[in-house]
Amino acid sequence: MKNGRWMALNDVAARARLWLGEQSPAFRGDLQAFAAGINAYAAGQVAALPHPGSNGTP
């Protein structure tokens, strides 16, 4: 099963929002800081990331 389809069928985005909301404020801040760091790194590596619909290789 393709990753995007699996994510949609299992409602991963909604589940992640729910789980994030269940964390303590301190841990939620840690998770949000981690995600911000990953997103900042990825933004600087756009050319190396796979394009949507590709086979997962850059």
PDB file of N, CA and C in Angstrom:
ATOM      1  N   MET A   1       0.843  -1.163   0.000  1.00  0.00           N
ATOM      2  CA  MET A   1       0.000   0.000   0.000  1.00  0.00           C
ATOM      3  C   MET A   1       0.899   1.240   0.000  1.00  0.00           C
ATOM      4  N   LYS A   2       0.564   2.184  -0.805  1.00  0.00           N
ATOM      5  CA  LYS A   2       1.330   3.422  -0.866  1.00  0.00           C
ATOM      6  C   LYS A   2       1.238   4.154   0.464  1.00  0.00           C
ATOM      7  N   ASN A   3       2.319   4.811   0.852  1.00  0.00           N
ATOM      8  CA  ASN A   3       2.393   5.492   2.139  1.00  0.00           C
ATOM      9  C   ASN A   3       1.272   6.514   2.323  1.00  0.00           C
ATOM     10  N   GLY A   4       1.016   7.343   1.330  1.00  0.00           N
ATOM     11  CA  GLY A   4      -0.025   8.359   1.449  1.00  0.00           C
ATOM     12  C   GLY A   4      -1.402   7.758   1.685  1.00  0.00           C
ATOM     13  N   ARG A   5      -1.675   6.678   1.000  1.00  0.00           N
ATOM     14  CA  ARG A   5      -2.975   6.014   1.176  1.00  0.00           C
ATOM     15  C   ARG A   5      -3.088   5.423   2.573  1.00  0.00           C
ATOM     16  N   TRP A   6      -2.015   4.789   3.035  1.00  0.00           N
ATOM     17  CA  TRP A   6      -2.011   4.218   4.376  1.00  0.00           C
ATOM     18  C   TRP A   6      -2.226   5.315   5.415  1.00  0.00           C
ATOM     19  N   MET A   7      -1.540   6.447   5.233  1.00  0.00           N
ATOM     20  CA  MET A   7      -1.671   7.567   6.171  1.00  0.00           C
ATOM     21  C   MET A   7      -3.123   8.055   6.209  1.00  0.00           C
ATOM     22  N   ALA A   8      -3.760   8.136   5.043  1.00  0.00           N
ATOM     23  CA  ALA A   8      -5.147   8.605   4.981  1.00  0.00           C
ATOM     24  C   ALA A   8      -6.104   7.582   5.599  1.00  0.00           C
ATOM     25  N   LEU A   9      -5.931   6.318   5.262  1.00  0.00           N
ATOM     26  CA  LEU A   9      -6.819   5.281   5.788  1.00  0.00           C
ATOM     27  C   LEU A   9      -6.735   5.161   7.310  1.00  0.00           C
ATOM     28  N   ASN A  10      -5.562   5.415   7.848  1.00  0.00           N
ATOM     29  CA  ASN A  10      -5.360   5.300   9.291  1.00  0.00           C
ATOM     30  C   ASN A  10      -5.468   6.641  10.004  1.00  0.00           C
ATOM     31  N   ASP A  11      -5.864   7.677   9.273  1.00  0.00           N
ATOM     32  CA  ASP A  11      -6.102   9.015   9.834  1.00  0.00           C
ATOM     33  C   ASP A  11      -4.931   9.466  10.699  1.00  0.00           C
ATOM     34  N   VAL A  12      -3.734   9.313  10.164  1.00  0.00           N
ATOM     35  CA  VAL A  12      -2.519   9.596  10.924  1.00  0.00           C
ATOM     36  C   VAL A  12      -2.443  11.062  11.354  1.00  0.00           C
ATOM     37  N   ALA A  13      -2.822  11.990  10.495  1.00  0.00           N
ATOM     38  CA  ALA A  13      -2.728  13.408  10.851  1.00  0.00           C
ATOM     39  C   ALA A  13      -3.619  13.737  12.049  1.00  0.00           C
ATOM     40  N   ALA A  14      -4.858  13.267  12.035  1.00  0.00           N
ATOM     41  CA  ALA A  14      -5.767  13.528  13.155  1.00  0.00           C
ATOM     42  C   ALA A  14      -5.275  12.850  14.428  1.00  0.00           C
ATOM     43  N   ARG A  15      -4.761  11.643  14.293  1.00  0.00           N
ATOM     44  CA  ARG A  15      -4.254  10.911  15.461  1.00  0.00           C
ATOM     45  C   ARG A  15      -3.049  11.638  16.053  1.00  0.00           C
ATOM     46  N   ALA A  16      -2.183  12.155  15.194  1.00  0.00           N
ATOM     47  CA  ALA A  16      -1.011  12.893  15.675  1.00  0.00           C
ATOM     48  C   ALA A  16      -1.427  14.153  16.425  1.00  0.00           C
ATOM     49  N   ARG A  17      -2.419  14.876  15.879  1.00  0.00           N
ATOM     50  CA  ARG A  17      -2.905  16.072  16.586  1.00  0.00           C
ATOM     51  C   ARG A  17      -3.490  15.697  17.948  1.00  0.00           C
ATOM     52  N   LEU A  18      -4.241  14.604  17.999  1.00  0.00           N
ATOM     53  CA  LEU A  18      -4.822  14.141  19.254  1.00  0.00           C
ATOM     54  C   LEU A  18      -3.722  13.796  20.249  1.00  0.00           C
ATOM     55  N   TRP A  19      -2.764  12.989  19.833  1.00  0.00           N
ATOM     56  CA  TRP A  19      -1.685  12.575  20.720  1.00  0.00           C
ATOM     57  C   TRP A  19      -0.856  13.772  21.183  1.00  0.00           C
ATOM     58  N   LEU A  20      -0.597  14.726  20.291  1.00  0.00           N
ATOM     59  CA  LEU A  20       0.153  15.916  20.682  1.00  0.00           C
ATOM     60  C   LEU A  20      -0.597  16.665  21.782  1.00  0.00           C
ATOM     61  N   GLY A  21      -1.893  16.809  21.615  1.00  0.00           N
ATOM     62  CA  GLY A  21      -2.695  17.501  22.612  1.00  0.00           C
ATOM     63  C   GLY A  21      -2.745  16.804  23.955  1.00  0.00           C
ATOM     64  N   GLU A  22      -2.455  15.517  23.984  1.00  0.00           N
ATOM     65  CA  GLU A  22      -2.491  14.752  25.236  1.00  0.00           C
ATOM     66  C   GLU A  22      -1.174  14.832  26.016  1.00  0.00           C
ATOM     67  N   GLN A  23      -0.157  15.441  25.428  1.00  0.00           N
ATOM     68  CA  GLN A  23       1.141  15.525  26.093  1.00  0.00           C
ATOM     69  C   GLN A  23       1.163  16.689  27.075  1.00  0.00           C
ATOM     70  N   SER A  24       2.079  16.613  28.015  1.00  0.00           N
ATOM     71  CA  SER A  24       2.244  17.725  28.954  1.00  0.00           C
ATOM     72  C   SER A  24       2.737  18.941  28.170  1.00  0.00           C
ATOM     73  N   PRO A  25       2.468  20.141  28.679  1.00  0.00           N
ATOM     74  CA  PRO A  25       2.930  21.333  27.967  1.00  0.00           C
ATOM     75  C   PRO A  25       4.442  21.332  27.707  1.00  0.00           C
ATOM     76  N   ALA A  26       5.222  20.855  28.679  1.00  0.00           N
ATOM     77  CA  ALA A  26       6.679  20.833  28.505  1.00  0.00           C
ATOM     78  C   ALA A  26       7.083  19.875  27.379  1.00  0.00           C
ATOM     79  N   PHE A  27       6.519  18.669  27.383  1.00  0.00           N
ATOM     80  CA  PHE A  27       6.885  17.698  26.353  1.00  0.00           C
ATOM     81  C   PHE A  27       6.353  18.121  24.988  1.00  0.00           C
ATOM     82  N   ARG A  28       5.169  18.714  24.957  1.00  0.00           N
ATOM     83  CA  ARG A  28       4.610  19.214  23.693  1.00  0.00           C
ATOM     84  C   ARG A  28       5.542  20.272  23.104  1.00  0.00           C
ATOM     85  N   GLY A  29       6.087  21.138  23.955  1.00  0.00           N
ATOM     86  CA  GLY A  29       7.054  22.131  23.495  1.00  0.00           C
ATOM     87  C   GLY A  29       8.295  21.482  22.918  1.00  0.00           C
ATOM     88  N   ASP A  30       8.768  20.414  23.567  1.00  0.00           N
ATOM     89  CA  ASP A  30       9.925  19.678  23.055  1.00  0.00           C
ATOM     90  C   ASP A  30       9.621  19.076  21.680  1.00  0.00           C
ATOM     91  N   LEU A  31       8.447  18.468  21.550  1.00  0.00           N
ATOM     92  CA  LEU A  31       8.059  17.865  20.268  1.00  0.00           C
ATOM     93  C   LEU A  31       7.951  18.921  19.170  1.00  0.00           C
ATOM     94  N   GLN A  32       7.363  20.068  19.511  1.00  0.00           N
ATOM     95  CA  GLN A  32       7.215  21.131  18.524  1.00  0.00           C
ATOM     96  C   GLN A  32       8.570  21.710  18.133  1.00  0.00           C
ATOM     97  N   ALA A  33       9.486  21.832  19.079  1.00  0.00           N
ATOM     98  CA  ALA A  33      10.833  22.313  18.771  1.00  0.00           C
ATOM     99  C   ALA A  33      11.567  21.310  17.867  1.00  0.00           C
ATOM    100  N   PHE A  34      11.413  20.029  18.151  1.00  0.00           N
ATOM    101  CA  PHE A  34      12.025  18.992  17.317  1.00  0.00           C
ATOM    102  C   PHE A  34      11.492  19.071  15.888  1.00  0.00           C
ATOM    103  N   ALA A  35      10.171  19.172  15.758  1.00  0.00           N
ATOM    104  CA  ALA A  35       9.567  19.261  14.425  1.00  0.00           C
ATOM    105  C   ALA A  35      10.035  20.511  13.691  1.00  0.00           C
ATOM    106  N   ALA A  36      10.144  21.624  14.392  1.00  0.00           N
ATOM    107  CA  ALA A  36      10.621  22.861  13.769  1.00  0.00           C
ATOM    108  C   ALA A  36      12.049  22.688  13.262  1.00  0.00           C
ATOM    109  N   GLY A  37      12.879  22.001  14.043  1.00  0.00           N
ATOM    110  CA  GLY A  37      14.261  21.748  13.620  1.00  0.00           C
ATOM    111  C   GLY A  37      14.333  20.850  12.399  1.00  0.00           C
ATOM    112  N   ILE A  38      13.535  19.801  12.386  1.00  0.00           N
ATOM    113  CA  ILE A  38      13.501  18.892  11.234  1.00  0.00           C
ATOM    114  C   ILE A  38      13.017  19.638   9.993  1.00  0.00           C
ATOM    115  N   ASN A  39      11.971  20.449  10.151  1.00  0.00           N
ATOM    116  CA  ASN A  39      11.440  21.210   9.015  1.00  0.00           C
ATOM    117  C   ASN A  39      12.452  22.223   8.502  1.00  0.00           C
ATOM    118  N   ALA A  40      13.183  22.881   9.406  1.00  0.00           N
ATOM    119  CA  ALA A  40      14.207  23.839   8.983  1.00  0.00           C
ATOM    120  C   ALA A  40      15.323  23.131   8.219  1.00  0.00           C
ATOM    121  N   TYR A  41      15.741  21.981   8.715  1.00  0.00           N
ATOM    122  CA  TYR A  41      16.772  21.213   8.016  1.00  0.00           C
ATOM    123  C   TYR A  41      16.278  20.796   6.632  1.00  0.00           C
ATOM    124  N   ALA A  42      15.062  20.268   6.562  1.00  0.00           N
ATOM    125  CA  ALA A  42      14.506  19.818   5.282  1.00  0.00           C
ATOM    126  C   ALA A  42      14.392  20.976   4.296  1.00  0.00           C
ATOM    127  N   ALA A  43      14.024  22.159   4.799  1.00  0.00           N
ATOM    128  CA  ALA A  43      13.905  23.328   3.917  1.00  0.00           C
ATOM    129  C   ALA A  43      15.241  23.658   3.261  1.00  0.00           C
ATOM    130  N   GLY A  44      16.327  23.364   3.939  1.00  0.00           N
ATOM    131  CA  GLY A  44      17.649  23.602   3.376  1.00  0.00           C
ATOM    132  C   GLY A  44      18.149  22.471   2.501  1.00  0.00           C
ATOM    133  N   GLN A  45      17.399  21.400   2.413  1.00  0.00           N
ATOM    134  CA  GLN A  45      17.809  20.215   1.655  1.00  0.00           C
ATOM    135  C   GLN A  45      16.799  19.863   0.565  1.00  0.00           C
ATOM    136  N   VAL A  46      16.071  20.837   0.085  1.00  0.00           N
ATOM    137  CA  VAL A  46      14.963  20.587  -0.848  1.00  0.00           C
ATOM    138  C   VAL A  46      15.416  19.773  -2.056  1.00  0.00           C
ATOM    139  N   ALA A  47      16.566  20.076  -2.604  1.00  0.00           N
ATOM    140  CA  ALA A  47      17.028  19.371  -3.797  1.00  0.00           C
ATOM    141  C   ALA A  47      17.283  17.888  -3.530  1.00  0.00           C
ATOM    142  N   ALA A  48      17.606  17.540  -2.299  1.00  0.00           N
ATOM    143  CA  ALA A  48      17.910  16.159  -1.971  1.00  0.00           C
ATOM    144  C   ALA A  48      16.695  15.338  -1.572  1.00  0.00           C
ATOM    145  N   LEU A  49      15.542  16.007  -1.357  1.00  0.00           N
ATOM    146  CA  LEU A  49      14.337  15.292  -0.926  1.00  0.00           C
ATOM    147  C   LEU A  49      13.586  14.724  -2.117  1.00  0.00           C
ATOM    148  N   PRO A  50      12.935  13.589  -1.951  1.00  0.00           N
ATOM    149  CA  PRO A  50      12.147  13.025  -3.046  1.00  0.00           C
ATOM    150  C   PRO A  50      10.944  13.926  -3.347  1.00  0.00           C
ATOM    151  N   HIS A  51      10.548  13.939  -4.581  1.00  0.00           N
ATOM    152  CA  HIS A  51       9.389  14.725  -5.000  1.00  0.00           C
ATOM    153  C   HIS A  51       8.124  13.892  -4.803  1.00  0.00           C
ATOM    154  N   PRO A  52       7.003  14.552  -4.458  1.00  0.00           N
ATOM    155  CA  PRO A  52       5.748  13.802  -4.298  1.00  0.00           C
ATOM    156  C   PRO A  52       5.439  12.992  -5.559  1.00  0.00           C
ATOM    157  N   GLY A  53       5.051  11.769  -5.343  1.00  0.00           N
ATOM    158  CA  GLY A  53       4.707  10.902  -6.470  1.00  0.00           C
ATOM    159  C   GLY A  53       5.892  10.143  -7.032  1.00  0.00           C
ATOM    160  N   SER A  54       7.101  10.423  -6.504  1.00  0.00           N
ATOM    161  CA  SER A  54       8.274   9.707  -6.997  1.00  0.00           C
ATOM    162  C   SER A  54       8.354   8.351  -6.308  1.00  0.00           C
ATOM    163  N   ASN A  55       9.345   7.597  -6.645  1.00  0.00           N
ATOM    164  CA  ASN A  55       9.496   6.280  -6.031  1.00  0.00           C
ATOM    165  C   ASN A  55      10.277   6.350  -4.715  1.00  0.00           C
ATOM    166  N   GLY A  56      10.464   7.552  -4.172  1.00  0.00           N
ATOM    167  CA  GLY A  56      11.125   7.707  -2.893  1.00  0.00           C
ATOM    168  C   GLY A  56      12.595   7.999  -2.977  1.00  0.00           C
ATOM    169  N   THR A  57      13.126   8.090  -4.179  1.00  0.00           N
ATOM    170  CA  THR A  57      14.535   8.441  -4.323  1.00  0.00           C
ATOM    171  C   THR A  57      14.637   9.859  -4.857  1.00  0.00           C
ATOM    172  N   PRO A  58      15.685  10.575  -4.458  1.00  0.00           N
ATOM    173  CA  PRO A  58      15.826  11.963  -4.952  1.00  0.00           C
ATOM    174  C   PRO A  58      16.009  12.039  -6.444  1.00  0.00           C
TER     175      PRO A  58
END
